[in-house]
Amino acid sequence: MKSVRKYLILFITSGCVIGLDQLAKSYVRTLAIGDIWMPPGLGWLTPYARIIHWYNTGAAFGSFQGFGWVFTILAFIVAGLIIYYYPKVDDRDWWLKLAMGLQLGGAMGNVVDRLTNNGQVTDFISVGNFAVFNLADASISVGVVILLVGAWFKEKSERVMKEPEDGPDERLRPGDRVDVEIFPGKEETKSE
C-alpha cells in the first residue's frame, strides 16, 4: 500500500494531463483538417491565437516529421525512467514530482494519439506564427520549465545554507590581500 501512495501524485497528475489532452483532441477532431474555431465573441483574437485542427507525424511543435515511431519508443523509455526514479525523489522536492507528472502525462498523451490515430498526433493550439501544438506538448514544456526553475532555486538555497555561520563577510572579495606560502619557508603576499 505504501508503494501505491508513492505513485499517487504522479498518476493523478499524468492522468489529468492525458484526460484533458484526449478530451480536447476529440473535440478538435470534429473539425475538418485546417478548420479554425474560436468561441463566439472572440473572433477578434484569430490573428493572435486560434484553435485549428492540424496533425503531425513527428515531435512536439511539428519538428522531425515522419519519425513518430522513434518518438513513441522514446516516450516509453522516458515513461519507464520517470516511473523508476519517481519514488526515489525526496518528498520535499514537490516541484520535481510535479514536473515528472506533467512530462509523463504529456509523453503518454501523444503516444495515445500515435497508437490510435495512424501514427499522427492531433495538434490544435495556434499562437501567432508559432508551430501548432497540443496540451500534451505544452505539459511537457511546462514540466521542463518547472524542473529547470526548481533546480535553480534548490541549488541557490543549498549555496546559502553552505555560507559560513558568521555570514558572507568572512569570505574573500576581489581586492583583498592574501598571504600565500608558495615555497616552504618563504612567504609572499599576493593580491587577487
Protein backbone atom coordinates (compact mmCIF):
# COMPACT_ATOMS: atom_id res chain seq x y z
CA MET A 1 0.00 0.00 0.00
CA LYS A 2 2.89 2.33 0.78
CA SER A 3 4.30 1.93 -2.74
CA VAL A 4 0.91 2.84 -4.24
CA ARG A 5 0.86 6.07 -2.21
CA LYS A 6 4.31 6.99 -3.51
CA TYR A 7 2.96 6.93 -7.07
CA LEU A 8 -0.43 8.52 -6.34
CA ILE A 9 0.52 12.13 -7.21
CA LEU A 10 2.43 11.00 -10.31
CA PHE A 11 -0.50 9.04 -11.69
CA ILE A 12 -3.10 11.67 -10.75
CA THR A 13 -1.08 14.44 -12.42
CA SER A 14 -0.26 12.45 -15.54
CA GLY A 15 -3.81 11.04 -15.73
CA CYS A 16 -5.30 14.54 -15.63
CA VAL A 17 -2.96 15.68 -18.41
CA ILE A 18 -3.78 12.65 -20.57
CA GLY A 19 -7.52 13.00 -19.93
CA LEU A 20 -7.68 16.74 -20.70
CA ASP A 21 -5.43 16.32 -23.75
CA GLN A 22 -7.51 13.48 -25.20
CA LEU A 23 -10.80 15.24 -24.43
CA ALA A 24 -9.66 18.41 -26.20
CA LYS A 25 -8.34 16.41 -29.16
CA SER A 26 -11.63 14.52 -29.51
CA TYR A 27 -13.50 17.83 -29.86
CA VAL A 28 -10.94 19.19 -32.31
CA ARG A 29 -11.21 16.08 -34.48
CA THR A 30 -14.84 17.00 -35.19
CA LEU A 31 -13.43 19.86 -37.31
CA ALA A 32 -12.07 19.27 -40.78
CA ILE A 33 -8.28 19.38 -41.12
CA GLY A 34 -7.25 23.05 -41.32
CA ASP A 35 -10.55 24.43 -39.99
CA ILE A 36 -10.24 27.22 -37.44
CA TRP A 37 -12.61 27.57 -34.49
CA MET A 38 -12.98 30.38 -31.98
CA PRO A 39 -15.55 30.78 -29.22
CA PRO A 40 -18.35 33.21 -30.08
CA GLY A 41 -17.31 36.81 -29.46
CA LEU A 42 -13.58 36.05 -29.55
CA GLY A 43 -13.15 36.11 -33.33
CA TRP A 44 -11.02 39.25 -32.99
CA LEU A 45 -8.31 37.04 -31.39
CA THR A 46 -7.92 34.88 -34.51
CA PRO A 47 -4.80 36.68 -35.84
CA TYR A 48 -3.08 36.10 -32.48
CA ALA A 49 -4.44 32.80 -31.12
CA ARG A 50 -6.83 30.22 -32.51
CA ILE A 51 -7.95 26.60 -32.35
CA ILE A 52 -7.12 24.81 -35.58
CA HIS A 53 -7.37 21.12 -36.46
CA TRP A 54 -3.92 20.01 -37.51
CA TYR A 55 -1.75 16.95 -37.11
CA ASN A 56 1.89 15.96 -37.25
CA THR A 57 3.84 12.73 -37.56
CA GLY A 58 6.93 13.99 -35.75
CA ALA A 59 7.84 15.52 -32.42
CA ALA A 60 6.44 18.44 -30.45
CA PHE A 61 5.76 21.64 -32.37
CA GLY A 62 5.87 19.83 -35.73
CA SER A 63 9.58 19.02 -35.76
CA PHE A 64 11.10 15.79 -37.20
CA GLN A 65 8.13 14.86 -39.38
CA GLY A 66 7.87 11.17 -40.25
CA PHE A 67 9.80 9.94 -37.21
CA GLY A 68 6.77 9.32 -34.98
CA TRP A 69 7.76 5.70 -34.34
CA VAL A 70 11.09 6.89 -32.87
CA PHE A 71 9.25 9.26 -30.51
CA THR A 72 6.84 6.51 -29.50
CA ILE A 73 9.77 4.32 -28.44
CA LEU A 74 11.45 7.28 -26.69
CA ALA A 75 8.21 8.12 -24.87
CA PHE A 76 8.01 4.59 -23.46
CA ILE A 77 11.67 4.76 -22.36
CA VAL A 78 11.13 8.17 -20.71
CA ALA A 79 7.94 6.91 -19.04
CA GLY A 80 9.82 3.91 -17.67
CA LEU A 81 12.61 6.12 -16.32
CA ILE A 82 10.14 8.52 -14.70
CA ILE A 83 8.25 5.66 -13.05
CA TYR A 84 11.53 4.11 -11.86
CA TYR A 85 13.02 7.32 -10.41
CA TYR A 86 9.85 8.91 -9.05
CA PRO A 87 9.80 7.09 -5.68
CA LYS A 88 13.48 7.98 -5.15
CA VAL A 89 12.69 11.74 -5.23
CA ASP A 90 12.55 13.39 -1.82
CA ASP A 91 9.00 14.46 -0.87
CA ARG A 92 10.32 17.97 -0.18
CA ASP A 93 11.12 18.26 -3.90
CA TRP A 94 7.42 18.56 -4.79
CA TRP A 95 8.32 20.69 -7.82
CA LEU A 96 10.35 17.81 -9.27
CA LYS A 97 7.46 15.41 -8.67
CA LEU A 98 5.06 17.83 -10.38
CA ALA A 99 7.43 18.23 -13.34
CA MET A 100 7.74 14.45 -13.69
CA GLY A 101 3.94 14.05 -13.64
CA LEU A 102 3.48 16.71 -16.33
CA GLN A 103 6.19 15.18 -18.52
CA LEU A 104 4.81 11.65 -18.13
CA GLY A 105 1.28 12.82 -18.94
CA GLY A 106 2.42 14.80 -21.96
CA ALA A 107 4.52 11.97 -23.36
CA MET A 108 1.76 9.42 -22.89
CA GLY A 109 -0.92 11.78 -24.25
CA ASN A 110 0.94 11.94 -27.55
CA VAL A 111 1.63 8.17 -27.52
CA VAL A 112 -2.11 7.51 -27.21
CA ASP A 113 -2.57 9.61 -30.36
CA ARG A 114 0.19 7.85 -32.29
CA LEU A 115 -1.17 4.41 -31.40
CA THR A 116 -4.84 5.22 -32.13
CA ASN A 117 -4.55 7.73 -34.97
CA ASN A 118 -2.35 6.06 -37.62
CA GLY A 119 0.87 7.45 -36.15
CA GLN A 120 -0.41 11.03 -36.20
CA VAL A 121 -0.64 13.43 -33.27
CA THR A 122 -3.55 15.88 -33.27
CA ASP A 123 -2.43 19.47 -32.74
CA PHE A 124 -4.81 22.36 -32.25
CA ILE A 125 -3.31 25.33 -30.36
CA SER A 126 -2.02 28.01 -32.69
CA VAL A 127 -0.48 31.20 -31.31
CA GLY A 128 0.80 33.83 -33.72
CA ASN A 129 3.22 32.31 -36.21
CA PHE A 130 4.46 29.66 -33.78
CA ALA A 131 4.08 25.97 -34.66
CA VAL A 132 0.72 24.38 -33.86
CA PHE A 133 0.85 22.26 -30.68
CA ASN A 134 -1.43 20.49 -28.19
CA LEU A 135 -1.94 20.20 -24.42
CA ALA A 136 0.46 17.25 -24.19
CA ASP A 137 3.24 19.29 -25.84
CA ALA A 138 2.50 22.21 -23.53
CA SER A 139 2.55 19.90 -20.50
CA ILE A 140 5.98 18.55 -21.43
CA SER A 141 7.31 22.10 -21.94
CA VAL A 142 5.84 23.39 -18.66
CA GLY A 143 7.30 20.34 -16.89
CA VAL A 144 10.76 21.15 -18.24
CA VAL A 145 10.46 24.80 -17.14
CA ILE A 146 9.36 23.74 -13.63
CA LEU A 147 12.27 21.30 -13.50
CA LEU A 148 14.83 23.95 -14.50
CA VAL A 149 13.47 26.70 -12.26
CA GLY A 150 13.10 24.30 -9.32
CA ALA A 151 16.66 23.02 -9.76
CA TRP A 152 17.95 26.59 -9.90
CA PHE A 153 16.13 27.55 -6.68
CA LYS A 154 17.29 24.37 -4.93
CA GLU A 155 20.91 24.98 -5.92
CA LYS A 156 20.64 28.59 -4.77
CA SER A 157 19.19 27.62 -1.38
CA GLU A 158 21.87 24.95 -0.89
CA ARG A 159 24.57 27.57 -1.56
CA VAL A 160 23.02 29.87 1.05
CA MET A 161 22.97 27.00 3.55
CA LYS A 162 26.71 26.41 2.99
CA GLU A 163 27.70 30.04 3.76
CA PRO A 164 29.92 30.48 6.84
CA GLU A 165 27.98 30.93 10.09
CA ASP A 166 29.46 34.40 10.57
CA GLY A 167 27.87 35.42 7.28
CA PRO A 168 29.21 36.36 3.90
CA ASP A 169 31.62 38.96 5.36
CA GLU A 170 34.11 36.19 6.18
CA ARG A 171 34.58 35.33 2.51
CA LEU A 172 37.27 36.88 0.33
CA ARG A 173 36.32 39.61 -2.08
CA PRO A 174 38.16 40.92 -5.12
CA GLY A 175 40.95 43.26 -3.98
CA ASP A 176 41.53 41.52 -0.62
CA ARG A 177 45.17 40.78 0.19
CA VAL A 178 46.01 37.19 0.96
CA ASP A 179 49.24 35.71 2.33
CA VAL A 180 50.11 32.58 0.40
CA GLU A 181 53.01 30.24 1.02
CA ILE A 182 54.31 29.25 -2.41
CA PHE A 183 57.65 27.76 -1.39
CA PRO A 184 58.14 26.18 2.01
CA GLY A 185 59.89 28.63 4.29
CA LYS A 186 59.22 31.67 2.06
CA GLU A 187 56.19 33.90 2.37
CA GLU A 188 54.85 36.05 -0.42
CA THR A 189 51.95 38.43 -0.45
CA LYS A 190 49.71 38.03 -3.42
CA SER A 191 46.68 40.15 -4.20
CA GLU A 192 43.66 38.87 -6.01
